[in-house]
Protein backbone atom coordinates (compact mmCIF):
# COMPACT_ATOMS: atom_id res chain seq x y z
CA MET A 1 -8.03 4.02 -19.81
CA GLU A 2 -7.26 6.93 -17.51
CA LEU A 3 -10.12 5.96 -15.20
CA ILE A 4 -8.80 2.41 -14.90
CA TYR A 5 -5.35 3.72 -13.96
CA PHE A 6 -6.94 6.10 -11.47
CA ILE A 7 -9.06 3.35 -9.89
CA LEU A 8 -6.13 0.94 -9.61
CA CYS A 9 -3.88 3.62 -8.08
CA ALA A 10 -6.62 4.59 -5.64
CA TYR A 11 -7.27 0.97 -4.66
CA GLY A 12 -3.58 0.26 -4.12
CA MET A 13 -3.02 3.36 -2.03
CA THR A 14 -6.20 2.76 -0.01
CA GLN A 15 -5.22 -0.85 0.63
CA ILE A 16 -1.78 0.16 1.86
CA LEU A 17 -3.08 2.96 4.09
CA ALA A 18 -5.93 0.94 5.61
CA TYR A 19 -4.33 -2.48 5.97
CA GLY A 20 -0.61 -2.28 5.22
CA THR A 21 1.75 -3.39 7.97
CA ILE A 22 4.11 -0.54 7.08
CA PHE A 23 1.67 1.86 8.82
CA LYS A 24 0.63 -0.55 11.60
CA ASP A 25 2.51 1.26 14.36
CA ILE A 26 1.39 4.78 13.41
CA ARG A 27 -2.18 4.08 12.20
CA PRO A 28 -4.69 5.34 14.80
CA GLU A 29 -7.22 2.85 16.17
CA HIS A 30 -10.17 4.99 15.08
CA HIS A 31 -12.43 3.11 12.64
CA PHE A 32 -11.92 5.80 9.96
CA PHE A 33 -8.34 4.65 9.44
CA HIS A 34 -9.43 1.04 8.86
CA CYS A 35 -12.31 1.85 6.49
CA PRO A 36 -11.51 1.59 2.77
CA MET A 37 -14.56 3.68 1.96
CA CYS A 38 -13.48 6.57 4.21
CA ILE A 39 -9.81 6.52 3.29
CA GLY A 40 -10.70 5.87 -0.35
CA PHE A 41 -12.48 9.20 -0.63
CA TRP A 42 -9.48 11.16 0.58
CA VAL A 43 -7.11 9.07 -1.54
CA GLY A 44 -9.20 9.99 -4.59
CA ALA A 45 -9.08 13.68 -3.69
CA PHE A 46 -5.31 13.41 -3.14
CA LEU A 47 -4.79 11.70 -6.50
CA MET A 48 -6.87 14.38 -8.16
CA GLY A 49 -4.64 16.98 -6.55
CA ILE A 50 -1.44 15.40 -7.90
CA ASN A 51 -2.79 14.50 -11.33
CA GLY A 52 -0.73 17.30 -12.90
CA TYR A 53 2.44 15.48 -11.83
CA THR A 54 1.66 12.17 -13.52
CA GLU A 55 1.08 10.99 -17.05
CA LEU A 56 -1.19 8.12 -15.96
CA PHE A 57 -4.27 10.29 -15.74
CA THR A 58 -5.10 13.95 -16.33
CA PHE A 59 -8.33 15.57 -15.24
CA ASP A 60 -9.43 19.19 -15.29
CA ASN A 61 -8.75 20.93 -12.01
CA SER A 62 -12.17 21.73 -10.51
CA ILE A 63 -13.87 21.25 -7.16
CA ILE A 64 -16.48 19.03 -8.83
CA ASN A 65 -13.77 16.69 -10.12
CA TYR A 66 -12.23 16.51 -6.65
CA PHE A 67 -15.59 15.45 -5.23
CA LEU A 68 -16.52 13.05 -8.04
CA LEU A 69 -13.14 11.34 -8.17
CA GLY A 70 -13.15 11.08 -4.38
CA CYS A 71 -16.52 9.34 -4.60
CA LEU A 72 -15.30 7.10 -7.42
CA SER A 73 -12.22 6.16 -5.44
CA SER A 74 -14.26 5.51 -2.30
CA GLY A 75 -16.77 3.25 -4.00
CA THR A 76 -14.35 1.26 -6.11
CA SER A 77 -11.82 0.90 -3.29
CA TYR A 78 -14.54 -0.42 -1.00
CA ILE A 79 -15.76 -2.91 -3.62
CA LEU A 80 -12.26 -4.12 -4.46
CA CYS A 81 -11.27 -4.42 -0.78
CA THR A 82 -14.43 -6.45 -0.21
CA LEU A 83 -13.70 -8.77 -3.14
CA PHE A 84 -9.95 -9.27 -2.70
CA GLY A 85 -7.88 -10.01 0.39
CA ASP A 86 -4.36 -11.15 1.22
CA ASN A 87 -5.15 -14.67 0.03
CA GLY A 88 -6.78 -13.69 -3.26
CA VAL A 89 -10.50 -13.61 -3.99
CA LYS A 90 -12.60 -13.64 -0.82
CA HIS A 91 -15.38 -16.17 -0.76
CA GLU A 92 -17.84 -17.24 1.86
CA PHE A 93 -19.93 -20.34 1.88
CA LYS A 94 -23.38 -20.16 3.38
CA TYR A 95 -25.06 -23.43 4.07
CA LEU A 96 -28.82 -23.52 4.09
CA ASP A 97 -30.41 -25.82 6.60
CA ASN A 98 -33.57 -27.47 5.36
């Protein structure tokens, strides 16, 4: 259950940092700051760093956990940002011409 809490926290924070209008005026134009995969990694590392201050998830403090949880956050944030948008589930229709 801790991993689900971690993933949902990471996704929410990544979504806010990458796309939230609250940071629109201070977010740099560089592509890094609009990439859920890039920001997701650092969000995961940040969450790992503060895990001693929350009861939602607790992980052992090691450099390997920082890296692995950063990777987990990056991958899942990217997938979730690809699947869900402001209007719910994203879907694209591709028509095949015969």
